[in-house]
């Protein structure tokens, strides 16, 4: 958000933050939304685009058995994403 405010405008940064909050709230209400990213690890990471910033994705995992949500990060979908998920997790 600081980057957007500095490089673009504070108004755009606030809009981006609002879109991120709305996307996270949507996931909380419906943990299976978004699409499964079989190319990323740990297994069963899902991604949901942020409206209207559709190129930005919220990455998360829904553990159905434990009924837990794990949020990982928000990144631009055009990035090389695999290296961003090279951590030991679930």
PDB file of N, CA and C in Angstrom:
ATOM      1  N   UNK A   1       0.815  -1.177   0.000  1.00  0.00           N
ATOM      2  CA  UNK A   1       0.000   0.000   0.000  1.00  0.00           C
ATOM      3  C   UNK A   1       0.868   1.254   0.000  1.00  0.00           C
ATOM      4  N   UNK A   2       1.938   1.251   0.744  1.00  0.00           N
ATOM      5  CA  UNK A   2       2.837   2.403   0.793  1.00  0.00           C
ATOM      6  C   UNK A   2       3.431   2.642  -0.595  1.00  0.00           C
ATOM      7  N   UNK A   3       3.799   1.550  -1.263  1.00  0.00           N
ATOM      8  CA  UNK A   3       4.351   1.673  -2.615  1.00  0.00           C
ATOM      9  C   UNK A   3       3.351   2.344  -3.548  1.00  0.00           C
ATOM     10  N   UNK A   4       2.101   1.905  -3.525  1.00  0.00           N
ATOM     11  CA  UNK A   4       1.086   2.503  -4.396  1.00  0.00           C
ATOM     12  C   UNK A   4       0.862   3.975  -4.063  1.00  0.00           C
ATOM     13  N   UNK A   5       0.821   4.299  -2.803  1.00  0.00           N
ATOM     14  CA  UNK A   5       0.630   5.693  -2.402  1.00  0.00           C
ATOM     15  C   UNK A   5       1.790   6.556  -2.884  1.00  0.00           C
ATOM     16  N   UNK A   6       2.996   6.031  -2.789  1.00  0.00           N
ATOM     17  CA  UNK A   6       4.187   6.784  -3.205  1.00  0.00           C
ATOM     18  C   UNK A   6       4.293   6.882  -4.719  1.00  0.00           C
ATOM     19  N   UNK A   7       4.044   5.774  -5.415  1.00  0.00           N
ATOM     20  CA  UNK A   7       4.252   5.731  -6.858  1.00  0.00           C
ATOM     21  C   UNK A   7       3.041   6.173  -7.670  1.00  0.00           C
ATOM     22  N   UNK A   8       1.860   6.122  -7.092  1.00  0.00           N
ATOM     23  CA  UNK A   8       0.651   6.478  -7.835  1.00  0.00           C
ATOM     24  C   UNK A   8      -0.123   7.553  -7.091  1.00  0.00           C
ATOM     25  N   UNK A   9      -0.971   7.134  -6.180  1.00  0.00           N
ATOM     26  CA  UNK A   9      -1.732   8.103  -5.392  1.00  0.00           C
ATOM     27  C   UNK A   9      -2.250   7.437  -4.125  1.00  0.00           C
ATOM     28  N   UNK A  10      -2.527   8.263  -3.154  1.00  0.00           N
ATOM     29  CA  UNK A  10      -3.084   7.739  -1.909  1.00  0.00           C
ATOM     30  C   UNK A  10      -4.472   7.153  -2.157  1.00  0.00           C
ATOM     31  N   UNK A  11      -5.232   7.777  -3.038  1.00  0.00           N
ATOM     32  CA  UNK A  11      -6.571   7.291  -3.359  1.00  0.00           C
ATOM     33  C   UNK A  11      -6.514   5.879  -3.940  1.00  0.00           C
ATOM     34  N   UNK A  12      -5.581   5.635  -4.862  1.00  0.00           N
ATOM     35  CA  UNK A  12      -5.436   4.303  -5.444  1.00  0.00           C
ATOM     36  C   UNK A  12      -5.012   3.299  -4.376  1.00  0.00           C
ATOM     37  N   UNK A  13      -4.108   3.705  -3.500  1.00  0.00           N
ATOM     38  CA  UNK A  13      -3.638   2.804  -2.443  1.00  0.00           C
ATOM     39  C   UNK A  13      -4.778   2.403  -1.512  1.00  0.00           C
ATOM     40  N   UNK A  14      -5.622   3.344  -1.163  1.00  0.00           N
ATOM     41  CA  UNK A  14      -6.763   3.040  -0.293  1.00  0.00           C
ATOM     42  C   UNK A  14      -7.744   2.117  -1.015  1.00  0.00           C
ATOM     43  N   UNK A  15      -7.967   2.351  -2.308  1.00  0.00           N
ATOM     44  CA  UNK A  15      -8.855   1.471  -3.094  1.00  0.00           C
ATOM     45  C   UNK A  15      -8.307   0.050  -3.143  1.00  0.00           C
ATOM     46  N   UNK A  16      -6.988  -0.076  -3.314  1.00  0.00           N
ATOM     47  CA  UNK A  16      -6.355  -1.398  -3.353  1.00  0.00           C
ATOM     48  C   UNK A  16      -6.520  -2.097  -2.008  1.00  0.00           C
ATOM     49  N   UNK A  17      -6.287  -1.368  -0.931  1.00  0.00           N
ATOM     50  CA  UNK A  17      -6.440  -1.949   0.405  1.00  0.00           C
ATOM     51  C   UNK A  17      -7.885  -2.385   0.637  1.00  0.00           C
ATOM     52  N   UNK A  18      -8.842  -1.566   0.242  1.00  0.00           N
ATOM     53  CA  UNK A  18     -10.255  -1.939   0.394  1.00  0.00           C
ATOM     54  C   UNK A  18     -10.568  -3.207  -0.396  1.00  0.00           C
ATOM     55  N   UNK A  19     -10.028  -3.315  -1.613  1.00  0.00           N
ATOM     56  CA  UNK A  19     -10.250  -4.505  -2.442  1.00  0.00           C
ATOM     57  C   UNK A  19      -9.647  -5.741  -1.777  1.00  0.00           C
ATOM     58  N   UNK A  20      -8.486  -5.590  -1.156  1.00  0.00           N
ATOM     59  CA  UNK A  20      -7.851  -6.715  -0.456  1.00  0.00           C
ATOM     60  C   UNK A  20      -8.704  -7.170   0.725  1.00  0.00           C
ATOM     61  N   UNK A  21      -9.225  -6.235   1.477  1.00  0.00           N
ATOM     62  CA  UNK A  21     -10.070  -6.571   2.630  1.00  0.00           C
ATOM     63  C   UNK A  21     -11.340  -7.282   2.166  1.00  0.00           C
ATOM     64  N   UNK A  22     -11.951  -6.785   1.110  1.00  0.00           N
ATOM     65  CA  UNK A  22     -13.168  -7.412   0.581  1.00  0.00           C
ATOM     66  C   UNK A  22     -12.883  -8.835   0.108  1.00  0.00           C
ATOM     67  N   UNK A  23     -11.741  -9.047  -0.565  1.00  0.00           N
ATOM     68  CA  UNK A  23     -11.382 -10.386  -1.045  1.00  0.00           C
ATOM     69  C   UNK A  23     -11.174 -11.344   0.130  1.00  0.00           C
ATOM     70  N   UNK A  24     -10.489 -10.889   1.161  1.00  0.00           N
ATOM     71  CA  UNK A  24     -10.256 -11.735   2.342  1.00  0.00           C
ATOM     72  C   UNK A  24     -11.585 -12.062   3.025  1.00  0.00           C
ATOM     73  N   UNK A  25     -12.459 -11.079   3.142  1.00  0.00           N
ATOM     74  CA  UNK A  25     -13.775 -11.329   3.741  1.00  0.00           C
ATOM     75  C   UNK A  25     -14.582 -12.320   2.907  1.00  0.00           C
ATOM     76  N   UNK A  26     -14.460 -12.234   1.594  1.00  0.00           N
ATOM     77  CA  UNK A  26     -15.153 -13.184   0.708  1.00  0.00           C
ATOM     78  C   UNK A  26     -14.644 -14.606   0.938  1.00  0.00           C
ATOM     79  N   UNK A  27     -13.344 -14.746   1.088  1.00  0.00           N
ATOM     80  CA  UNK A  27     -12.756 -16.066   1.340  1.00  0.00           C
ATOM     81  C   UNK A  27     -13.231 -16.606   2.683  1.00  0.00           C
ATOM     82  N   UNK A  28     -13.271 -15.749   3.689  1.00  0.00           N
ATOM     83  CA  UNK A  28     -13.726 -16.185   5.015  1.00  0.00           C
ATOM     84  C   UNK A  28     -15.163 -16.696   4.948  1.00  0.00           C
ATOM     85  N   UNK A  29     -16.020 -16.021   4.181  1.00  0.00           N
ATOM     86  CA  UNK A  29     -17.409 -16.451   4.050  1.00  0.00           C
ATOM     87  C   UNK A  29     -17.548 -17.716   3.208  1.00  0.00           C
ATOM     88  N   UNK A  30     -16.650 -17.909   2.239  1.00  0.00           N
ATOM     89  CA  UNK A  30     -16.729 -19.049   1.320  1.00  0.00           C
ATOM     90  C   UNK A  30     -15.319 -19.569   1.052  1.00  0.00           C
ATOM     91  N   UNK A  31     -14.765 -20.365   1.969  1.00  0.00           N
ATOM     92  CA  UNK A  31     -13.361 -20.784   1.878  1.00  0.00           C
ATOM     93  C   UNK A  31     -12.981 -21.577   0.630  1.00  0.00           C
ATOM     94  N   UNK A  32     -13.929 -22.097  -0.109  1.00  0.00           N
ATOM     95  CA  UNK A  32     -13.581 -22.856  -1.310  1.00  0.00           C
ATOM     96  C   UNK A  32     -13.535 -22.018  -2.571  1.00  0.00           C
ATOM     97  N   UNK A  33     -13.724 -20.694  -2.445  1.00  0.00           N
ATOM     98  CA  UNK A  33     -13.756 -19.861  -3.651  1.00  0.00           C
ATOM     99  C   UNK A  33     -12.349 -19.697  -4.223  1.00  0.00           C
ATOM    100  N   UNK A  34     -12.290 -19.157  -5.407  1.00  0.00           N
ATOM    101  CA  UNK A  34     -11.006 -19.034  -6.079  1.00  0.00           C
ATOM    102  C   UNK A  34     -10.678 -20.319  -6.812  1.00  0.00           C
ATOM    103  N   UNK A  35      -9.445 -20.407  -7.281  1.00  0.00           N
ATOM    104  CA  UNK A  35      -9.073 -21.618  -8.005  1.00  0.00           C
ATOM    105  C   UNK A  35      -7.845 -22.258  -7.369  1.00  0.00           C
ATOM    106  N   UNK A  36      -7.813 -23.573  -7.462  1.00  0.00           N
ATOM    107  CA  UNK A  36      -6.727 -24.367  -6.912  1.00  0.00           C
ATOM    108  C   UNK A  36      -5.465 -24.146  -7.736  1.00  0.00           C
ATOM    109  N   UNK A  37      -4.337 -23.916  -7.082  1.00  0.00           N
ATOM    110  CA  UNK A  37      -3.056 -23.704  -7.761  1.00  0.00           C
ATOM    111  C   UNK A  37      -2.181 -24.932  -7.538  1.00  0.00           C
ATOM    112  N   UNK A  38      -2.293 -25.897  -8.441  1.00  0.00           N
ATOM    113  CA  UNK A  38      -1.525 -27.132  -8.290  1.00  0.00           C
ATOM    114  C   UNK A  38      -0.042 -26.911  -8.563  1.00  0.00           C
ATOM    115  N   UNK A  39       0.313 -25.752  -9.103  1.00  0.00           N
ATOM    116  CA  UNK A  39       1.710 -25.445  -9.392  1.00  0.00           C
ATOM    117  C   UNK A  39       2.460 -24.906  -8.174  1.00  0.00           C
ATOM    118  N   UNK A  40       1.762 -24.667  -7.076  1.00  0.00           N
ATOM    119  CA  UNK A  40       2.385 -24.075  -5.898  1.00  0.00           C
ATOM    120  C   UNK A  40       2.364 -25.045  -4.724  1.00  0.00           C
ATOM    121  N   UNK A  41       3.307 -24.875  -3.821  1.00  0.00           N
ATOM    122  CA  UNK A  41       3.398 -25.684  -2.614  1.00  0.00           C
ATOM    123  C   UNK A  41       3.405 -24.772  -1.416  1.00  0.00           C
ATOM    124  N   UNK A  42       2.823 -25.167  -0.293  1.00  0.00           N
ATOM    125  CA  UNK A  42       2.289 -26.477   0.000  1.00  0.00           C
ATOM    126  C   UNK A  42       1.038 -26.779  -0.817  1.00  0.00           C
ATOM    127  N   UNK A  43       0.657 -28.038  -0.791  1.00  0.00           N
ATOM    128  CA  UNK A  43      -0.480 -28.500  -1.585  1.00  0.00           C
ATOM    129  C   UNK A  43      -1.755 -27.756  -1.197  1.00  0.00           C
ATOM    130  N   UNK A  44      -2.635 -27.665  -2.156  1.00  0.00           N
ATOM    131  CA  UNK A  44      -3.977 -27.122  -1.978  1.00  0.00           C
ATOM    132  C   UNK A  44      -4.032 -25.613  -1.740  1.00  0.00           C
ATOM    133  N   UNK A  45      -3.030 -24.892  -2.234  1.00  0.00           N
ATOM    134  CA  UNK A  45      -3.112 -23.438  -2.201  1.00  0.00           C
ATOM    135  C   UNK A  45      -4.145 -23.005  -3.228  1.00  0.00           C
ATOM    136  N   UNK A  46      -4.969 -22.058  -2.840  1.00  0.00           N
ATOM    137  CA  UNK A  46      -5.981 -21.496  -3.726  1.00  0.00           C
ATOM    138  C   UNK A  46      -5.649 -20.025  -3.954  1.00  0.00           C
ATOM    139  N   UNK A  47      -6.182 -19.474  -5.047  1.00  0.00           N
ATOM    140  CA  UNK A  47      -5.971 -18.063  -5.364  1.00  0.00           C
ATOM    141  C   UNK A  47      -7.301 -17.436  -5.764  1.00  0.00           C
ATOM    142  N   UNK A  48      -7.518 -16.237  -5.292  1.00  0.00           N
ATOM    143  CA  UNK A  48      -8.716 -15.476  -5.629  1.00  0.00           C
ATOM    144  C   UNK A  48      -8.274 -14.091  -6.074  1.00  0.00           C
ATOM    145  N   UNK A  49      -8.789 -13.649  -7.212  1.00  0.00           N
ATOM    146  CA  UNK A  49      -8.418 -12.317  -7.684  1.00  0.00           C
ATOM    147  C   UNK A  49      -9.195 -11.248  -6.923  1.00  0.00           C
ATOM    148  N   UNK A  50      -8.562 -10.097  -6.810  1.00  0.00           N
ATOM    149  CA  UNK A  50      -9.167  -8.963  -6.113  1.00  0.00           C
ATOM    150  C   UNK A  50      -9.877  -8.085  -7.144  1.00  0.00           C
ATOM    151  N   UNK A  51     -11.126  -7.779  -6.882  1.00  0.00           N
ATOM    152  CA  UNK A  51     -11.863  -6.880  -7.768  1.00  0.00           C
ATOM    153  C   UNK A  51     -11.686  -5.452  -7.273  1.00  0.00           C
ATOM    154  N   UNK A  52     -11.452  -4.474  -8.080  1.00  0.00           N
ATOM    155  CA  UNK A  52     -11.261  -4.468  -9.522  1.00  0.00           C
ATOM    156  C   UNK A  52      -9.812  -4.666  -9.937  1.00  0.00           C
ATOM    157  N   UNK A  53      -8.946  -5.004  -9.000  1.00  0.00           N
ATOM    158  CA  UNK A  53      -7.522  -5.226  -9.285  1.00  0.00           C
ATOM    159  C   UNK A  53      -7.299  -6.696  -9.610  1.00  0.00           C
ATOM    160  N   UNK A  54      -7.905  -7.165 -10.666  1.00  0.00           N
ATOM    161  CA  UNK A  54      -7.976  -8.601 -10.976  1.00  0.00           C
ATOM    162  C   UNK A  54      -6.625  -9.282 -11.178  1.00  0.00           C
ATOM    163  N   UNK A  55      -5.597  -8.524 -11.476  1.00  0.00           N
ATOM    164  CA  UNK A  55      -4.278  -9.139 -11.656  1.00  0.00           C
ATOM    165  C   UNK A  55      -3.612  -9.462 -10.325  1.00  0.00           C
ATOM    166  N   UNK A  56      -4.166  -8.951  -9.238  1.00  0.00           N
ATOM    167  CA  UNK A  56      -3.646  -9.262  -7.906  1.00  0.00           C
ATOM    168  C   UNK A  56      -4.430 -10.424  -7.326  1.00  0.00           C
ATOM    169  N   UNK A  57      -3.699 -11.368  -6.727  1.00  0.00           N
ATOM    170  CA  UNK A  57      -4.304 -12.595  -6.217  1.00  0.00           C
ATOM    171  C   UNK A  57      -4.042 -12.743  -4.723  1.00  0.00           C
ATOM    172  N   UNK A  58      -5.067 -13.187  -4.012  1.00  0.00           N
ATOM    173  CA  UNK A  58      -4.932 -13.533  -2.594  1.00  0.00           C
ATOM    174  C   UNK A  58      -4.698 -15.038  -2.546  1.00  0.00           C
ATOM    175  N   UNK A  59      -3.594 -15.443  -1.968  1.00  0.00           N
ATOM    176  CA  UNK A  59      -3.245 -16.860  -1.878  1.00  0.00           C
ATOM    177  C   UNK A  59      -3.542 -17.362  -0.465  1.00  0.00           C
ATOM    178  N   UNK A  60      -4.229 -18.483  -0.419  1.00  0.00           N
ATOM    179  CA  UNK A  60      -4.625 -19.036   0.870  1.00  0.00           C
ATOM    180  C   UNK A  60      -4.813 -20.539   0.748  1.00  0.00           C
ATOM    181  N   UNK A  61      -4.967 -21.180   1.908  1.00  0.00           N
ATOM    182  CA  UNK A  61      -5.234 -22.613   1.939  1.00  0.00           C
ATOM    183  C   UNK A  61      -6.337 -22.863   2.944  1.00  0.00           C
ATOM    184  N   UNK A  62      -7.270 -23.710   2.563  1.00  0.00           N
ATOM    185  CA  UNK A  62      -8.402 -24.097   3.416  1.00  0.00           C
ATOM    186  C   UNK A  62      -8.212 -25.537   3.810  1.00  0.00           C
ATOM    187  N   UNK A  63      -8.006 -25.776   5.103  1.00  0.00           N
ATOM    188  CA  UNK A  63      -7.875 -27.121   5.647  1.00  0.00           C
ATOM    189  C   UNK A  63      -9.269 -27.555   6.083  1.00  0.00           C
ATOM    190  N   UNK A  64      -9.919 -28.319   5.218  1.00  0.00           N
ATOM    191  CA  UNK A  64     -11.302 -28.727   5.465  1.00  0.00           C
ATOM    192  C   UNK A  64     -11.425 -29.563   6.731  1.00  0.00           C
ATOM    193  N   UNK A  65     -10.469 -30.470   6.951  1.00  0.00           N
ATOM    194  CA  UNK A  65     -10.551 -31.332   8.126  1.00  0.00           C
ATOM    195  C   UNK A  65     -10.390 -30.537   9.425  1.00  0.00           C
ATOM    196  N   UNK A  66      -9.407 -29.652   9.443  1.00  0.00           N
ATOM    197  CA  UNK A  66      -9.184 -28.844  10.645  1.00  0.00           C
ATOM    198  C   UNK A  66     -10.016 -27.581  10.659  1.00  0.00           C
ATOM    199  N   UNK A  67     -10.715 -27.347   9.556  1.00  0.00           N
ATOM    200  CA  UNK A  67     -11.554 -26.157   9.396  1.00  0.00           C
ATOM    201  C   UNK A  67     -10.775 -24.883   9.711  1.00  0.00           C
ATOM    202  N   UNK A  68      -9.583 -24.803   9.104  1.00  0.00           N
ATOM    203  CA  UNK A  68      -8.724 -23.644   9.316  1.00  0.00           C
ATOM    204  C   UNK A  68      -8.389 -22.993   7.986  1.00  0.00           C
ATOM    205  N   UNK A  69      -8.317 -21.685   7.987  1.00  0.00           N
ATOM    206  CA  UNK A  69      -7.877 -20.901   6.839  1.00  0.00           C
ATOM    207  C   UNK A  69      -6.476 -20.400   7.121  1.00  0.00           C
ATOM    208  N   UNK A  70      -5.594 -20.553   6.143  1.00  0.00           N
ATOM    209  CA  UNK A  70      -4.256 -19.984   6.236  1.00  0.00           C
ATOM    210  C   UNK A  70      -4.098 -19.017   5.070  1.00  0.00           C
ATOM    211  N   UNK A  71      -3.860 -17.752   5.369  1.00  0.00           N
ATOM    212  CA  UNK A  71      -3.603 -16.768   4.333  1.00  0.00           C
ATOM    213  C   UNK A  71      -2.098 -16.638   4.173  1.00  0.00           C
ATOM    214  N   UNK A  72      -1.637 -16.695   2.916  1.00  0.00           N
ATOM    215  CA  UNK A  72      -0.199 -16.637   2.657  1.00  0.00           C
ATOM    216  C   UNK A  72       0.268 -15.264   2.220  1.00  0.00           C
ATOM    217  N   UNK A  73      -0.312 -14.746   1.140  1.00  0.00           N
ATOM    218  CA  UNK A  73       0.154 -13.457   0.633  1.00  0.00           C
ATOM    219  C   UNK A  73      -0.753 -12.959  -0.471  1.00  0.00           C
ATOM    220  N   UNK A  74      -0.556 -11.712  -0.836  1.00  0.00           N
ATOM    221  CA  UNK A  74      -1.214 -11.121  -1.998  1.00  0.00           C
ATOM    222  C   UNK A  74      -0.103 -10.700  -2.944  1.00  0.00           C
ATOM    223  N   UNK A  75      -0.201 -11.163  -4.182  1.00  0.00           N
ATOM    224  CA  UNK A  75       0.829 -10.852  -5.175  1.00  0.00           C
ATOM    225  C   UNK A  75       0.197 -10.651  -6.537  1.00  0.00           C
ATOM    226  N   UNK A  76       0.927  -9.962  -7.393  1.00  0.00           N
ATOM    227  CA  UNK A  76       0.507  -9.792  -8.782  1.00  0.00           C
ATOM    228  C   UNK A  76       0.623 -11.148  -9.476  1.00  0.00           C
ATOM    229  N   UNK A  77      -0.405 -11.532 -10.203  1.00  0.00           N
ATOM    230  CA  UNK A  77      -0.438 -12.841 -10.843  1.00  0.00           C
ATOM    231  C   UNK A  77       0.589 -13.031 -11.941  1.00  0.00           C
ATOM    232  N   UNK A  78       1.159 -11.944 -12.456  1.00  0.00           N
ATOM    233  CA  UNK A  78       2.160 -12.051 -13.513  1.00  0.00           C
ATOM    234  C   UNK A  78       3.556 -12.354 -13.008  1.00  0.00           C
ATOM    235  N   UNK A  79       3.731 -12.397 -11.698  1.00  0.00           N
ATOM    236  CA  UNK A  79       5.044 -12.687 -11.116  1.00  0.00           C
ATOM    237  C   UNK A  79       5.384 -14.171 -11.260  1.00  0.00           C
ATOM    238  N   UNK A  80       6.664 -14.476 -11.139  1.00  0.00           N
ATOM    239  CA  UNK A  80       7.093 -15.860 -11.016  1.00  0.00           C
ATOM    240  C   UNK A  80       6.768 -16.259  -9.581  1.00  0.00           C
ATOM    241  N   UNK A  81       5.661 -16.949  -9.407  1.00  0.00           N
ATOM    242  CA  UNK A  81       5.118 -17.178  -8.072  1.00  0.00           C
ATOM    243  C   UNK A  81       5.750 -18.334  -7.317  1.00  0.00           C
ATOM    244  N   UNK A  82       6.214 -19.360  -8.009  1.00  0.00           N
ATOM    245  CA  UNK A  82       6.722 -20.564  -7.333  1.00  0.00           C
ATOM    246  C   UNK A  82       7.782 -20.259  -6.274  1.00  0.00           C
ATOM    247  N   UNK A  83       8.782 -19.408  -6.570  1.00  0.00           N
ATOM    248  CA  UNK A  83       9.807 -19.133  -5.529  1.00  0.00           C
ATOM    249  C   UNK A  83       9.234 -18.463  -4.286  1.00  0.00           C
ATOM    250  N   UNK A  84       8.107 -17.803  -4.394  1.00  0.00           N
ATOM    251  CA  UNK A  84       7.519 -17.126  -3.237  1.00  0.00           C
ATOM    252  C   UNK A  84       6.906 -18.104  -2.241  1.00  0.00           C
ATOM    253  N   UNK A  85       6.758 -19.353  -2.672  1.00  0.00           N
ATOM    254  CA  UNK A  85       6.122 -20.356  -1.820  1.00  0.00           C
ATOM    255  C   UNK A  85       7.093 -21.467  -1.430  1.00  0.00           C
ATOM    256  N   UNK A  86       8.383 -21.154  -1.424  1.00  0.00           N
ATOM    257  CA  UNK A  86       9.402 -22.146  -1.049  1.00  0.00           C
ATOM    258  C   UNK A  86       9.690 -22.086   0.437  1.00  0.00           C
ATOM    259  N   UNK A  87       8.662 -22.149   1.226  1.00  0.00           N
ATOM    260  CA  UNK A  87       8.825 -22.183   2.675  1.00  0.00           C
ATOM    261  C   UNK A  87       8.213 -23.471   3.176  1.00  0.00           C
ATOM    262  N   UNK A  88       8.603 -23.870   4.361  1.00  0.00           N
ATOM    263  CA  UNK A  88       8.030 -25.098   4.892  1.00  0.00           C
ATOM    264  C   UNK A  88       6.700 -24.749   5.536  1.00  0.00           C
ATOM    265  N   UNK A  89       5.682 -25.290   5.006  1.00  0.00           N
ATOM    266  CA  UNK A  89       4.344 -25.071   5.532  1.00  0.00           C
ATOM    267  C   UNK A  89       3.532 -26.315   5.312  1.00  0.00           C
ATOM    268  N   UNK A  90       2.389 -26.399   6.022  1.00  0.00           N
ATOM    269  CA  UNK A  90       1.451 -27.509   5.929  1.00  0.00           C
ATOM    270  C   UNK A  90       1.746 -28.442   4.939  1.00  0.00           C
TER     271      UNK A  90
END
